[in-house]
Amino acid sequence: QVQLVESGGGLVQAGGSLRLSCAASGFSFGQYNVAWYRQVPGWERQLVASIGRRGTTQYADSVKGRFTISRDNSKNIVHLQMNSLQPEDTAVYFCNLPYTLQPWGQGTQVTVSS
């Protein structure tokens, strides 16, 4: 059974940093792309960043240069390092497999105060 568990969110002031983690289990982690998404209540879920099996990364324009996605295939974990956070980054952040979407988890709340 595929499990993706997000953690690392919190409250931070504008300009601050957070590091999110996505712990994966129940599948061959190294064979799959993994992505981070975020959602604000009332808005569609947005793709923030993705990382391929070999480490190729892609980012939404709104986070380029501020966020970095990485993966550790030995630990089945994906991180999202978020720097220079802004109030508009406030959302619930989720991880998932972009080409074989799984049921969404609870995510982790990120709140950036101005």
Protein backbone atom coordinates (compact mmCIF):
# COMPACT_ATOMS: atom_id res chain seq x y z
CA GLN A 1 0.00 0.00 0.00
CA VAL A 2 1.42 3.34 -1.09
CA GLN A 3 1.93 5.79 1.75
CA LEU A 4 3.15 9.37 1.46
CA VAL A 5 3.43 11.31 4.70
CA GLU A 6 4.20 15.01 4.72
CA SER A 7 5.83 16.85 7.59
CA GLY A 8 7.85 19.94 8.41
CA GLY A 9 5.31 22.71 8.01
CA GLY A 10 4.83 25.52 10.47
CA LEU A 11 4.53 29.23 11.03
CA VAL A 12 7.33 31.43 9.78
CA GLN A 13 7.85 35.12 9.14
CA ALA A 14 8.25 36.46 5.64
CA GLY A 15 11.79 35.90 4.46
CA GLY A 16 12.19 32.80 6.56
CA SER A 17 12.77 29.19 5.59
CA LEU A 18 11.20 25.80 6.11
CA ARG A 19 12.15 22.32 5.03
CA LEU A 20 9.34 19.93 4.21
CA SER A 21 9.72 16.16 4.12
CA CYS A 22 7.74 13.49 2.30
CA ALA A 23 8.30 9.99 3.65
CA ALA A 24 7.29 7.29 1.20
CA SER A 25 6.61 3.58 1.62
CA GLY A 26 4.82 0.71 -0.04
CA PHE A 27 6.29 1.03 -3.54
CA SER A 28 9.60 1.11 -5.42
CA PHE A 29 10.37 4.71 -4.53
CA GLY A 30 13.39 5.07 -6.78
CA GLN A 31 11.33 4.23 -9.87
CA TYR A 32 8.88 7.10 -9.55
CA ASN A 33 8.80 10.84 -10.04
CA VAL A 34 7.65 12.67 -6.92
CA ALA A 35 6.11 16.10 -6.69
CA TRP A 36 5.09 18.68 -4.15
CA TYR A 37 1.77 20.47 -4.48
CA ARG A 38 0.06 23.14 -2.47
CA GLN A 39 -3.52 24.21 -1.95
CA VAL A 40 -5.19 27.24 -0.48
CA PRO A 41 -8.79 26.68 0.66
CA GLY A 42 -11.15 27.51 -2.19
CA TRP A 43 -8.42 27.30 -4.82
CA GLU A 44 -7.20 24.49 -7.04
CA ARG A 45 -4.25 22.44 -5.97
CA GLN A 46 -1.06 23.77 -7.60
CA LEU A 47 2.05 21.84 -8.65
CA VAL A 48 5.02 23.43 -6.91
CA ALA A 49 7.99 21.24 -7.79
CA SER A 50 8.77 17.79 -9.10
CA ILE A 51 11.79 15.53 -9.19
CA GLY A 52 12.45 12.66 -11.57
CA ARG A 53 13.92 9.27 -10.88
CA ARG A 54 17.40 10.53 -11.73
CA GLY A 55 17.02 13.85 -9.98
CA THR A 56 15.77 16.08 -12.79
CA THR A 57 13.81 18.92 -11.24
CA GLN A 58 11.05 21.27 -12.36
CA TYR A 59 9.52 24.21 -10.54
CA ALA A 60 6.53 26.47 -10.79
CA ASP A 61 7.56 29.94 -11.88
CA SER A 62 6.37 31.38 -8.59
CA VAL A 63 8.94 29.39 -6.57
CA LYS A 64 11.93 29.23 -8.92
CA GLY A 65 15.09 30.38 -7.21
CA ARG A 66 13.52 30.07 -3.76
CA PHE A 67 12.50 26.42 -3.42
CA THR A 68 14.66 23.35 -3.94
CA ILE A 69 13.35 19.81 -4.23
CA SER A 70 15.63 16.88 -3.52
CA ARG A 71 15.34 13.17 -2.93
CA ASP A 72 17.21 10.49 -1.01
CA ASN A 73 16.42 7.15 -2.59
CA SER A 74 18.25 5.29 0.19
CA LYS A 75 15.77 6.69 2.72
CA ASN A 76 12.65 6.90 0.51
CA ILE A 77 12.26 10.57 1.26
CA VAL A 78 11.78 13.78 -0.71
CA HIS A 79 12.51 17.20 0.73
CA LEU A 80 11.34 20.65 -0.26
CA GLN A 81 13.65 23.37 1.00
CA MET A 82 11.74 26.63 0.97
CA ASN A 83 13.68 29.87 1.34
CA SER A 84 12.64 33.51 1.15
CA LEU A 85 9.10 32.53 2.04
CA GLN A 86 6.35 35.03 1.32
CA PRO A 87 2.78 35.30 2.61
CA GLU A 88 1.52 34.03 -0.75
CA ASP A 89 3.30 30.75 -0.06
CA THR A 90 0.82 30.07 2.73
CA ALA A 91 -0.98 26.83 1.91
CA VAL A 92 -1.26 23.18 2.76
CA TYR A 93 1.56 21.31 1.06
CA PHE A 94 1.16 17.76 -0.22
CA CYS A 95 3.41 15.27 -1.94
CA ASN A 96 2.28 12.76 -4.51
CA LEU A 97 3.34 10.76 -7.55
CA PRO A 98 2.51 13.02 -10.50
CA TYR A 99 1.97 10.30 -13.13
CA THR A 100 0.19 7.81 -10.86
CA LEU A 101 -1.67 10.02 -8.41
CA GLN A 102 -2.45 8.41 -5.09
CA PRO A 103 -5.15 9.37 -2.58
CA TRP A 104 -4.15 12.68 -1.07
CA GLY A 105 -2.77 12.68 2.45
CA GLN A 106 -3.35 15.30 5.11
CA GLY A 107 -0.51 17.48 3.95
CA THR A 108 1.43 19.89 6.11
CA GLN A 109 0.37 23.46 6.79
CA VAL A 110 2.75 26.28 5.93
CA THR A 111 1.82 29.72 7.18
CA VAL A 112 3.95 32.75 6.34
CA SER A 113 3.23 35.91 8.26
CA SER A 114 4.01 39.36 6.89
